[in-house]
Amino acid sequence: SNNMCYFIQSQLWQEQTETTINKLSDTTEKAVEKLEKSLEYHKELEQKQDFALKNQEVIIDQDLKISQSLKSTRENMDQAFLEMYEKAENQKMILDSVLGTLQ
C-alpha cells in the first residue's frame, strides 16, 4: 500500500510537472513572439527616425542657404541705397551750385 501511495504521488507529481513545463513553454513562446514584434516595431521606429533626421538635415541646410541669401540680399540693398543716397547728395550739391550761380 505504501508502494501504491508512492506510485500515485509520483504519477501525480509527474503530471503536475509536465503541466507546469507545458505552461512555461507556452509562456516562453508568447514572450518570444512579443519580443520579436517589439524588435520589428523598434526597427521600424529607427527607420522613421533616420528618415526624419535626414529631413531635418535638409531643412537645416536649406535654412542656412536662405539665411545666407537673405544676408547677401540685405547687403546688396544696403549698398544700392548707399549709392543712391550718395548720388542724390551729389546731385543736390550740383543743383545747389547751379542755383547759387544763377542768383
PDB file of N, CA and C in Angstrom:
ATOM      1  N   SER A   1       0.819  -1.197   0.000  1.00  0.00           N
ATOM      2  CA  SER A   1       0.000   0.000   0.000  1.00  0.00           C
ATOM      3  C   SER A   1       0.859   1.255   0.000  1.00  0.00           C
ATOM      4  N   ASN A   2       1.995   1.206   0.705  1.00  0.00           N
ATOM      5  CA  ASN A   2       2.920   2.351   0.673  1.00  0.00           C
ATOM      6  C   ASN A   2       3.479   2.531  -0.729  1.00  0.00           C
ATOM      7  N   ASN A   3       3.782   1.398  -1.344  1.00  0.00           N
ATOM      8  CA  ASN A   3       4.301   1.484  -2.709  1.00  0.00           C
ATOM      9  C   ASN A   3       3.257   2.078  -3.647  1.00  0.00           C
ATOM     10  N   MET A   4       2.009   1.699  -3.447  1.00  0.00           N
ATOM     11  CA  MET A   4       0.928   2.192  -4.281  1.00  0.00           C
ATOM     12  C   MET A   4       0.738   3.704  -4.060  1.00  0.00           C
ATOM     13  N   CYS A   5       0.797   4.119  -2.806  1.00  0.00           N
ATOM     14  CA  CYS A   5       0.691   5.547  -2.460  1.00  0.00           C
ATOM     15  C   CYS A   5       1.843   6.319  -3.102  1.00  0.00           C
ATOM     16  N   TYR A   6       3.027   5.779  -2.953  1.00  0.00           N
ATOM     17  CA  TYR A   6       4.216   6.424  -3.522  1.00  0.00           C
ATOM     18  C   TYR A   6       4.066   6.517  -5.037  1.00  0.00           C
ATOM     19  N   PHE A   7       3.593   5.460  -5.662  1.00  0.00           N
ATOM     20  CA  PHE A   7       3.420   5.442  -7.107  1.00  0.00           C
ATOM     21  C   PHE A   7       2.399   6.502  -7.537  1.00  0.00           C
ATOM     22  N   ILE A   8       1.286   6.604  -6.845  1.00  0.00           N
ATOM     23  CA  ILE A   8       0.245   7.580  -7.183  1.00  0.00           C
ATOM     24  C   ILE A   8       0.779   9.004  -6.989  1.00  0.00           C
ATOM     25  N   GLN A   9       1.496   9.224  -5.886  1.00  0.00           N
ATOM     26  CA  GLN A   9       2.083  10.553  -5.640  1.00  0.00           C
ATOM     27  C   GLN A   9       3.091  10.886  -6.731  1.00  0.00           C
ATOM     28  N   SER A  10       3.870   9.905  -7.090  1.00  0.00           N
ATOM     29  CA  SER A  10       4.868  10.102  -8.134  1.00  0.00           C
ATOM     30  C   SER A  10       4.193  10.408  -9.466  1.00  0.00           C
ATOM     31  N   GLN A  11       3.154   9.678  -9.763  1.00  0.00           N
ATOM     32  CA  GLN A  11       2.402   9.886 -11.003  1.00  0.00           C
ATOM     33  C   GLN A  11       1.777  11.285 -11.011  1.00  0.00           C
ATOM     34  N   LEU A  12       1.182  11.673  -9.900  1.00  0.00           N
ATOM     35  CA  LEU A  12       0.565  12.993  -9.768  1.00  0.00           C
ATOM     36  C   LEU A  12       1.613  14.092  -9.901  1.00  0.00           C
ATOM     37  N   TRP A  13       2.747  13.913  -9.246  1.00  0.00           N
ATOM     38  CA  TRP A  13       3.835  14.899  -9.321  1.00  0.00           C
ATOM     39  C   TRP A  13       4.326  15.022 -10.761  1.00  0.00           C
ATOM     40  N   GLN A  14       4.441  13.894 -11.455  1.00  0.00           N
ATOM     41  CA  GLN A  14       4.917  13.893 -12.839  1.00  0.00           C
ATOM     42  C   GLN A  14       3.917  14.628 -13.737  1.00  0.00           C
ATOM     43  N   GLU A  15       2.640  14.426 -13.540  1.00  0.00           N
ATOM     44  CA  GLU A  15       1.620  15.110 -14.330  1.00  0.00           C
ATOM     45  C   GLU A  15       1.643  16.614 -14.066  1.00  0.00           C
ATOM     46  N   GLN A  16       1.758  16.998 -12.809  1.00  0.00           N
ATOM     47  CA  GLN A  16       1.814  18.424 -12.455  1.00  0.00           C
ATOM     48  C   GLN A  16       3.066  19.074 -13.037  1.00  0.00           C
ATOM     49  N   THR A  17       4.157  18.333 -12.971  1.00  0.00           N
ATOM     50  CA  THR A  17       5.410  18.849 -13.521  1.00  0.00           C
ATOM     51  C   THR A  17       5.282  19.035 -15.029  1.00  0.00           C
ATOM     52  N   GLU A  18       4.698  18.065 -15.697  1.00  0.00           N
ATOM     53  CA  GLU A  18       4.511  18.143 -17.146  1.00  0.00           C
ATOM     54  C   GLU A  18       3.596  19.315 -17.505  1.00  0.00           C
ATOM     55  N   THR A  19       2.525  19.501 -16.743  1.00  0.00           N
ATOM     56  CA  THR A  19       1.616  20.619 -16.968  1.00  0.00           C
ATOM     57  C   THR A  19       2.343  21.952 -16.765  1.00  0.00           C
ATOM     58  N   THR A  20       3.123  22.030 -15.714  1.00  0.00           N
ATOM     59  CA  THR A  20       3.882  23.257 -15.428  1.00  0.00           C
ATOM     60  C   THR A  20       4.886  23.537 -16.543  1.00  0.00           C
ATOM     61  N   ILE A  21       5.564  22.511 -17.008  1.00  0.00           N
ATOM     62  CA  ILE A  21       6.550  22.678 -18.085  1.00  0.00           C
ATOM     63  C   ILE A  21       5.848  23.124 -19.366  1.00  0.00           C
ATOM     64  N   ASN A  22       4.701  22.555 -19.660  1.00  0.00           N
ATOM     65  CA  ASN A  22       3.943  22.965 -20.852  1.00  0.00           C
ATOM     66  C   ASN A  22       3.510  24.426 -20.751  1.00  0.00           C
ATOM     67  N   LYS A  23       3.046  24.832 -19.566  1.00  0.00           N
ATOM     68  CA  LYS A  23       2.653  26.234 -19.364  1.00  0.00           C
ATOM     69  C   LYS A  23       3.856  27.161 -19.539  1.00  0.00           C
ATOM     70  N   LEU A  24       4.986  26.742 -18.972  1.00  0.00           N
ATOM     71  CA  LEU A  24       6.208  27.544 -19.117  1.00  0.00           C
ATOM     72  C   LEU A  24       6.614  27.641 -20.580  1.00  0.00           C
ATOM     73  N   SER A  25       6.492  26.535 -21.288  1.00  0.00           N
ATOM     74  CA  SER A  25       6.831  26.520 -22.708  1.00  0.00           C
ATOM     75  C   SER A  25       5.921  27.461 -23.488  1.00  0.00           C
ATOM     76  N   ASP A  26       4.624  27.429 -23.212  1.00  0.00           N
ATOM     77  CA  ASP A  26       3.667  28.323 -23.881  1.00  0.00           C
ATOM     78  C   ASP A  26       3.968  29.784 -23.560  1.00  0.00           C
ATOM     79  N   THR A  27       4.217  30.031 -22.285  1.00  0.00           N
ATOM     80  CA  THR A  27       4.523  31.398 -21.859  1.00  0.00           C
ATOM     81  C   THR A  27       5.804  31.900 -22.524  1.00  0.00           C
ATOM     82  N   THR A  28       6.796  31.048 -22.611  1.00  0.00           N
ATOM     83  CA  THR A  28       8.063  31.415 -23.248  1.00  0.00           C
ATOM     84  C   THR A  28       7.844  31.705 -24.727  1.00  0.00           C
ATOM     85  N   GLU A  29       7.040  30.886 -25.378  1.00  0.00           N
ATOM     86  CA  GLU A  29       6.751  31.084 -26.798  1.00  0.00           C
ATOM     87  C   GLU A  29       6.045  32.416 -27.021  1.00  0.00           C
ATOM     88  N   LYS A  30       5.087  32.738 -26.172  1.00  0.00           N
ATOM     89  CA  LYS A  30       4.380  34.018 -26.278  1.00  0.00           C
ATOM     90  C   LYS A  30       5.329  35.188 -26.024  1.00  0.00           C
ATOM     91  N   ALA A  31       6.222  35.014 -25.058  1.00  0.00           N
ATOM     92  CA  ALA A  31       7.196  36.074 -24.756  1.00  0.00           C
ATOM     93  C   ALA A  31       8.117  36.296 -25.951  1.00  0.00           C
ATOM     94  N   VAL A  32       8.536  35.201 -26.585  1.00  0.00           N
ATOM     95  CA  VAL A  32       9.412  35.316 -27.762  1.00  0.00           C
ATOM     96  C   VAL A  32       8.673  36.045 -28.882  1.00  0.00           C
ATOM     97  N   GLU A  33       7.407  35.705 -29.106  1.00  0.00           N
ATOM     98  CA  GLU A  33       6.620  36.382 -30.142  1.00  0.00           C
ATOM     99  C   GLU A  33       6.506  37.878 -29.852  1.00  0.00           C
ATOM    100  N   LYS A  34       6.252  38.212 -28.598  1.00  0.00           N
ATOM    101  CA  LYS A  34       6.143  39.634 -28.223  1.00  0.00           C
ATOM    102  C   LYS A  34       7.476  40.355 -28.414  1.00  0.00           C
ATOM    103  N   LEU A  35       8.560  39.683 -28.067  1.00  0.00           N
ATOM    104  CA  LEU A  35       9.876  40.293 -28.251  1.00  0.00           C
ATOM    105  C   LEU A  35      10.189  40.497 -29.734  1.00  0.00           C
ATOM    106  N   GLU A  36       9.792  39.529 -30.557  1.00  0.00           N
ATOM    107  CA  GLU A  36      10.016  39.669 -31.999  1.00  0.00           C
ATOM    108  C   GLU A  36       9.207  40.836 -32.557  1.00  0.00           C
ATOM    109  N   LYS A  37       7.948  40.971 -32.124  1.00  0.00           N
ATOM    110  CA  LYS A  37       7.129  42.104 -32.558  1.00  0.00           C
ATOM    111  C   LYS A  37       7.741  43.423 -32.082  1.00  0.00           C
ATOM    112  N   SER A  38       8.199  43.408 -30.853  1.00  0.00           N
ATOM    113  CA  SER A  38       8.825  44.608 -30.301  1.00  0.00           C
ATOM    114  C   SER A  38      10.058  44.991 -31.116  1.00  0.00           C
ATOM    115  N   LEU A  39      10.841  43.997 -31.502  1.00  0.00           N
ATOM    116  CA  LEU A  39      12.028  44.252 -32.316  1.00  0.00           C
ATOM    117  C   LEU A  39      11.639  44.842 -33.668  1.00  0.00           C
ATOM    118  N   GLU A  40      10.575  44.301 -34.274  1.00  0.00           N
ATOM    119  CA  GLU A  40      10.095  44.839 -35.547  1.00  0.00           C
ATOM    120  C   GLU A  40       9.672  46.297 -35.386  1.00  0.00           C
ATOM    121  N   TYR A  41       8.927  46.593 -34.322  1.00  0.00           N
ATOM    122  CA  TYR A  41       8.486  47.966 -34.085  1.00  0.00           C
ATOM    123  C   TYR A  41       9.682  48.892 -33.873  1.00  0.00           C
ATOM    124  N   HIS A  42      10.675  48.423 -33.145  1.00  0.00           N
ATOM    125  CA  HIS A  42      11.862  49.244 -32.899  1.00  0.00           C
ATOM    126  C   HIS A  42      12.624  49.492 -34.192  1.00  0.00           C
ATOM    127  N   LYS A  43      12.714  48.478 -35.045  1.00  0.00           N
ATOM    128  CA  LYS A  43      13.399  48.664 -36.334  1.00  0.00           C
ATOM    129  C   LYS A  43      12.648  49.674 -37.189  1.00  0.00           C
ATOM    130  N   GLU A  44      11.320  49.562 -37.200  1.00  0.00           N
ATOM    131  CA  GLU A  44      10.500  50.496 -37.971  1.00  0.00           C
ATOM    132  C   GLU A  44      10.648  51.914 -37.416  1.00  0.00           C
ATOM    133  N   LEU A  45      10.641  52.025 -36.104  1.00  0.00           N
ATOM    134  CA  LEU A  45      10.817  53.327 -35.463  1.00  0.00           C
ATOM    135  C   LEU A  45      12.185  53.913 -35.799  1.00  0.00           C
ATOM    136  N   GLU A  46      13.199  53.082 -35.787  1.00  0.00           N
ATOM    137  CA  GLU A  46      14.549  53.544 -36.113  1.00  0.00           C
ATOM    138  C   GLU A  46      14.609  54.051 -37.552  1.00  0.00           C
ATOM    139  N   GLN A  47      13.952  53.337 -38.479  1.00  0.00           N
ATOM    140  CA  GLN A  47      13.926  53.787 -39.873  1.00  0.00           C
ATOM    141  C   GLN A  47      13.219  55.124 -39.997  1.00  0.00           C
ATOM    142  N   LYS A  48      12.111  55.266 -39.292  1.00  0.00           N
ATOM    143  CA  LYS A  48      11.373  56.533 -39.346  1.00  0.00           C
ATOM    144  C   LYS A  48      12.179  57.669 -38.728  1.00  0.00           C
ATOM    145  N   GLN A  49      12.906  57.371 -37.663  1.00  0.00           N
ATOM    146  CA  GLN A  49      13.747  58.398 -37.036  1.00  0.00           C
ATOM    147  C   GLN A  49      14.887  58.791 -37.972  1.00  0.00           C
ATOM    148  N   ASP A  50      15.465  57.810 -38.674  1.00  0.00           N
ATOM    149  CA  ASP A  50      16.514  58.114 -39.645  1.00  0.00           C
ATOM    150  C   ASP A  50      15.969  59.012 -40.754  1.00  0.00           C
ATOM    151  N   PHE A  51      14.776  58.680 -41.241  1.00  0.00           N
ATOM    152  CA  PHE A  51      14.145  59.476 -42.291  1.00  0.00           C
ATOM    153  C   PHE A  51      13.891  60.900 -41.794  1.00  0.00           C
ATOM    154  N   ALA A  52      13.366  61.012 -40.580  1.00  0.00           N
ATOM    155  CA  ALA A  52      13.093  62.333 -40.002  1.00  0.00           C
ATOM    156  C   ALA A  52      14.391  63.127 -39.811  1.00  0.00           C
ATOM    157  N   LEU A  53      15.439  62.443 -39.382  1.00  0.00           N
ATOM    158  CA  LEU A  53      16.723  63.111 -39.178  1.00  0.00           C
ATOM    159  C   LEU A  53      17.275  63.638 -40.504  1.00  0.00           C
ATOM    160  N   LYS A  54      17.157  62.823 -41.556  1.00  0.00           N
ATOM    161  CA  LYS A  54      17.626  63.271 -42.879  1.00  0.00           C
ATOM    162  C   LYS A  54      16.818  64.471 -43.345  1.00  0.00           C
ATOM    163  N   ASN A  55      15.511  64.446 -43.105  1.00  0.00           N
ATOM    164  CA  ASN A  55      14.675  65.595 -43.470  1.00  0.00           C
ATOM    165  C   ASN A  55      15.069  66.841 -42.687  1.00  0.00           C
ATOM    166  N   GLN A  56      15.367  66.668 -41.415  1.00  0.00           N
ATOM    167  CA  GLN A  56      15.796  67.799 -40.595  1.00  0.00           C
ATOM    168  C   GLN A  56      17.123  68.360 -41.102  1.00  0.00           C
ATOM    169  N   GLU A  57      18.019  67.474 -41.535  1.00  0.00           N
ATOM    170  CA  GLU A  57      19.300  67.941 -42.073  1.00  0.00           C
ATOM    171  C   GLU A  57      19.077  68.748 -43.344  1.00  0.00           C
ATOM    172  N   VAL A  58      18.148  68.285 -44.207  1.00  0.00           N
ATOM    173  CA  VAL A  58      17.824  69.012 -45.434  1.00  0.00           C
ATOM    174  C   VAL A  58      17.234  70.376 -45.079  1.00  0.00           C
ATOM    175  N   ILE A  59      16.329  70.389 -44.107  1.00  0.00           N
ATOM    176  CA  ILE A  59      15.700  71.651 -43.698  1.00  0.00           C
ATOM    177  C   ILE A  59      16.745  72.620 -43.148  1.00  0.00           C
ATOM    178  N   ILE A  60      17.646  72.118 -42.328  1.00  0.00           N
ATOM    179  CA  ILE A  60      18.693  72.973 -41.759  1.00  0.00           C
ATOM    180  C   ILE A  60      19.588  73.515 -42.866  1.00  0.00           C
ATOM    181  N   ASP A  61      19.932  72.650 -43.835  1.00  0.00           N
ATOM    182  CA  ASP A  61      20.772  73.081 -44.953  1.00  0.00           C
ATOM    183  C   ASP A  61      20.065  74.160 -45.770  1.00  0.00           C
ATOM    184  N   GLN A  62      18.773  73.949 -46.044  1.00  0.00           N
ATOM    185  CA  GLN A  62      18.008  74.941 -46.805  1.00  0.00           C
ATOM    186  C   GLN A  62      17.865  76.234 -46.013  1.00  0.00           C
ATOM    187  N   ASP A  63      17.659  76.122 -44.713  1.00  0.00           N
ATOM    188  CA  ASP A  63      17.554  77.302 -43.864  1.00  0.00           C
ATOM    189  C   ASP A  63      18.847  78.105 -43.899  1.00  0.00           C
ATOM    190  N   LEU A  64      19.964  77.405 -43.869  1.00  0.00           N
ATOM    191  CA  LEU A  64      21.257  78.079 -43.925  1.00  0.00           C
ATOM    192  C   LEU A  64      21.424  78.802 -45.261  1.00  0.00           C
ATOM    193  N   LYS A  65      21.032  78.142 -46.345  1.00  0.00           N
ATOM    194  CA  LYS A  65      21.137  78.774 -47.666  1.00  0.00           C
ATOM    195  C   LYS A  65      20.236  79.994 -47.756  1.00  0.00           C
ATOM    196  N   ILE A  66      19.026  79.881 -47.242  1.00  0.00           N
ATOM    197  CA  ILE A  66      18.098  81.016 -47.258  1.00  0.00           C
ATOM    198  C   ILE A  66      18.657  82.159 -46.417  1.00  0.00           C
ATOM    199  N   SER A  67      19.215  81.815 -45.284  1.00  0.00           N
ATOM    200  CA  SER A  67      19.796  82.821 -44.391  1.00  0.00           C
ATOM    201  C   SER A  67      20.940  83.556 -45.091  1.00  0.00           C
ATOM    202  N   GLN A  68      21.798  82.795 -45.747  1.00  0.00           N
ATOM    203  CA  GLN A  68      22.916  83.407 -46.458  1.00  0.00           C
ATOM    204  C   GLN A  68      22.421  84.275 -47.611  1.00  0.00           C
ATOM    205  N   SER A  69      21.384  83.789 -48.304  1.00  0.00           N
ATOM    206  CA  SER A  69      20.817  84.548 -49.416  1.00  0.00           C
ATOM    207  C   SER A  69      20.205  85.854 -48.921  1.00  0.00           C
ATOM    208  N   LEU A  70      19.474  85.779 -47.800  1.00  0.00           N
ATOM    209  CA  LEU A  70      18.875  86.993 -47.239  1.00  0.00           C
ATOM    210  C   LEU A  70      19.945  87.986 -46.788  1.00  0.00           C
ATOM    211  N   LYS A  71      21.004  87.479 -46.205  1.00  0.00           N
ATOM    212  CA  LYS A  71      22.098  88.350 -45.759  1.00  0.00           C
ATOM    213  C   LYS A  71      22.738  89.034 -46.963  1.00  0.00           C
ATOM    214  N   SER A  72      22.973  88.253 -48.015  1.00  0.00           N
ATOM    215  CA  SER A  72      23.578  88.808 -49.227  1.00  0.00           C
ATOM    216  C   SER A  72      22.658  89.844 -49.866  1.00  0.00           C
ATOM    217  N   THR A  73      21.365  89.531 -49.918  1.00  0.00           N
ATOM    218  CA  THR A  73      20.394  90.473 -50.488  1.00  0.00           C
ATOM    219  C   THR A  73      20.351  91.758 -49.673  1.00  0.00           C
ATOM    220  N   ARG A  74      20.372  91.615 -48.350  1.00  0.00           N
ATOM    221  CA  ARG A  74      20.357  92.800 -47.478  1.00  0.00           C
ATOM    222  C   ARG A  74      21.598  93.652 -47.714  1.00  0.00           C
ATOM    223  N   GLU A  75      22.743  93.001 -47.807  1.00  0.00           N
ATOM    224  CA  GLU A  75      23.982  93.739 -48.043  1.00  0.00           C
ATOM    225  C   GLU A  75      23.930  94.454 -49.390  1.00  0.00           C
ATOM    226  N   ASN A  76      23.393  93.773 -50.421  1.00  0.00           N
ATOM    227  CA  ASN A  76      23.271  94.394 -51.742  1.00  0.00           C
ATOM    228  C   ASN A  76      22.312  95.573 -51.706  1.00  0.00           C
ATOM    229  N   MET A  77      21.194  95.407 -50.972  1.00  0.00           N
ATOM    230  CA  MET A  77      20.231  96.503 -50.846  1.00  0.00           C
ATOM    231  C   MET A  77      20.857  97.683 -50.099  1.00  0.00           C
ATOM    232  N   ASP A  78      21.571  97.385 -49.020  1.00  0.00           N
ATOM    233  CA  ASP A  78      22.245  98.452 -48.273  1.00  0.00           C
ATOM    234  C   ASP A  78      23.208  99.211 -49.182  1.00  0.00           C
ATOM    235  N   GLN A  79      23.959  98.462 -49.982  1.00  0.00           N
ATOM    236  CA  GLN A  79      24.925  99.090 -50.899  1.00  0.00           C
ATOM    237  C   GLN A  79      24.194  99.922 -51.947  1.00  0.00           C
ATOM    238  N   ALA A  80      23.101  99.391 -52.496  1.00  0.00           N
ATOM    239  CA  ALA A  80      22.350 100.130 -53.519  1.00  0.00           C
ATOM    240  C   ALA A  80      21.766 101.411 -52.936  1.00  0.00           C
ATOM    241  N   PHE A  81      21.200 101.351 -51.720  1.00  0.00           N
ATOM    242  CA  PHE A  81      20.643 102.552 -51.094  1.00  0.00           C
ATOM    243  C   PHE A  81      21.742 103.564 -50.770  1.00  0.00           C
ATOM    244  N   LEU A  82      22.896 103.060 -50.358  1.00  0.00           N
ATOM    245  CA  LEU A  82      24.009 103.962 -50.075  1.00  0.00           C
ATOM    246  C   LEU A  82      24.449 104.676 -51.351  1.00  0.00           C
ATOM    247  N   GLU A  83      24.549 103.927 -52.444  1.00  0.00           N
ATOM    248  CA  GLU A  83      24.938 104.543 -53.722  1.00  0.00           C
ATOM    249  C   GLU A  83      23.893 105.553 -54.178  1.00  0.00           C
ATOM    250  N   MET A  84      22.600 105.193 -54.004  1.00  0.00           N
ATOM    251  CA  MET A  84      21.526 106.105 -54.379  1.00  0.00           C
ATOM    252  C   MET A  84      21.586 107.373 -53.527  1.00  0.00           C
ATOM    253  N   TYR A  85      21.847 107.216 -52.239  1.00  0.00           N
ATOM    254  CA  TYR A  85      21.945 108.363 -51.336  1.00  0.00           C
ATOM    255  C   TYR A  85      23.127 109.256 -51.747  1.00  0.00           C
ATOM    256  N   GLU A  86      24.259 108.618 -52.040  1.00  0.00           N
ATOM    257  CA  GLU A  86      25.442 109.392 -52.435  1.00  0.00           C
ATOM    258  C   GLU A  86      25.193 110.147 -53.738  1.00  0.00           C
ATOM    259  N   LYS A  87      24.508 109.492 -54.688  1.00  0.00           N
ATOM    260  CA  LYS A  87      24.196 110.153 -55.960  1.00  0.00           C
ATOM    261  C   LYS A  87      23.224 111.313 -55.737  1.00  0.00           C
ATOM    262  N   ALA A  88      22.233 111.087 -54.861  1.00  0.00           N
ATOM    263  CA  ALA A  88      21.272 112.153 -54.568  1.00  0.00           C
ATOM    264  C   ALA A  88      21.983 113.330 -53.906  1.00  0.00           C
ATOM    265  N   GLU A  89      22.896 113.046 -52.990  1.00  0.00           N
ATOM    266  CA  GLU A  89      23.666 114.110 -52.333  1.00  0.00           C
ATOM    267  C   GLU A  89      24.521 114.850 -53.356  1.00  0.00           C
ATOM    268  N   ASN A  90      25.119 114.095 -54.274  1.00  0.00           N
ATOM    269  CA  ASN A  90      25.955 114.701 -55.315  1.00  0.00           C
ATOM    270  C   ASN A  90      25.102 115.585 -56.226  1.00  0.00           C
ATOM    271  N   GLN A  91      23.920 115.089 -56.615  1.00  0.00           N
ATOM    272  CA  GLN A  91      23.037 115.885 -57.465  1.00  0.00           C
ATOM    273  C   GLN A  91      22.548 117.128 -56.728  1.00  0.00           C
ATOM    274  N   LYS A  92      22.300 116.996 -55.431  1.00  0.00           N
ATOM    275  CA  LYS A  92      21.872 118.149 -54.626  1.00  0.00           C
ATOM    276  C   LYS A  92      22.970 119.204 -54.603  1.00  0.00           C
ATOM    277  N   MET A  93      24.211 118.741 -54.446  1.00  0.00           N
ATOM    278  CA  MET A  93      25.327 119.700 -54.419  1.00  0.00           C
ATOM    279  C   MET A  93      25.459 120.397 -55.772  1.00  0.00           C
ATOM    280  N   ILE A  94      25.296 119.630 -56.855  1.00  0.00           N
ATOM    281  CA  ILE A  94      25.384 120.218 -58.197  1.00  0.00           C
ATOM    282  C   ILE A  94      24.248 121.224 -58.396  1.00  0.00           C
ATOM    283  N   LEU A  95      23.032 120.817 -57.984  1.00  0.00           N
ATOM    284  CA  LEU A  95      21.874 121.697 -58.110  1.00  0.00           C
ATOM    285  C   LEU A  95      22.051 122.959 -57.270  1.00  0.00           C
ATOM    286  N   ASP A  96      22.546 122.806 -56.042  1.00  0.00           N
ATOM    287  CA  ASP A  96      22.815 123.971 -55.189  1.00  0.00           C
ATOM    288  C   ASP A  96      23.853 124.883 -55.838  1.00  0.00           C
ATOM    289  N   SER A  97      24.849 124.278 -56.462  1.00  0.00           N
ATOM    290  CA  SER A  97      25.901 125.064 -57.114  1.00  0.00           C
ATOM    291  C   SER A  97      25.343 125.836 -58.315  1.00  0.00           C
ATOM    292  N   VAL A  98      24.513 125.146 -59.111  1.00  0.00           N
ATOM    293  CA  VAL A  98      23.916 125.795 -60.289  1.00  0.00           C
ATOM    294  C   VAL A  98      22.980 126.913 -59.837  1.00  0.00           C
ATOM    295  N   LEU A  99      22.156 126.611 -58.822  1.00  0.00           N
ATOM    296  CA  LEU A  99      21.228 127.636 -58.343  1.00  0.00           C
ATOM    297  C   LEU A  99      21.977 128.798 -57.696  1.00  0.00           C
ATOM    298  N   GLY A 100      23.099 128.481 -57.084  1.00  0.00           N
ATOM    299  CA  GLY A 100      23.884 129.549 -56.449  1.00  0.00           C
ATOM    300  C   GLY A 100      24.482 130.475 -57.482  1.00  0.00           C
ATOM    301  N   THR A 101      24.873 129.971 -58.617  1.00  0.00           N
ATOM    302  CA  THR A 101      25.448 130.832 -59.649  1.00  0.00           C
ATOM    303  C   THR A 101      24.377 131.634 -60.358  1.00  0.00           C
ATOM    304  N   LEU A 102      23.137 131.127 -60.375  1.00  0.00           N
ATOM    305  CA  LEU A 102      22.050 131.849 -61.016  1.00  0.00           C
ATOM    306  C   LEU A 102      21.572 133.037 -60.186  1.00  0.00           C
ATOM    307  N   GLN A 103      21.809 133.024 -58.943  1.00  0.00           N
ATOM    308  CA  GLN A 103      21.349 134.105 -58.086  1.00  0.00           C
ATOM    309  C   GLN A 103      22.262 135.251 -58.104  1.00  0.00           C
TER     310      GLN A 103
END
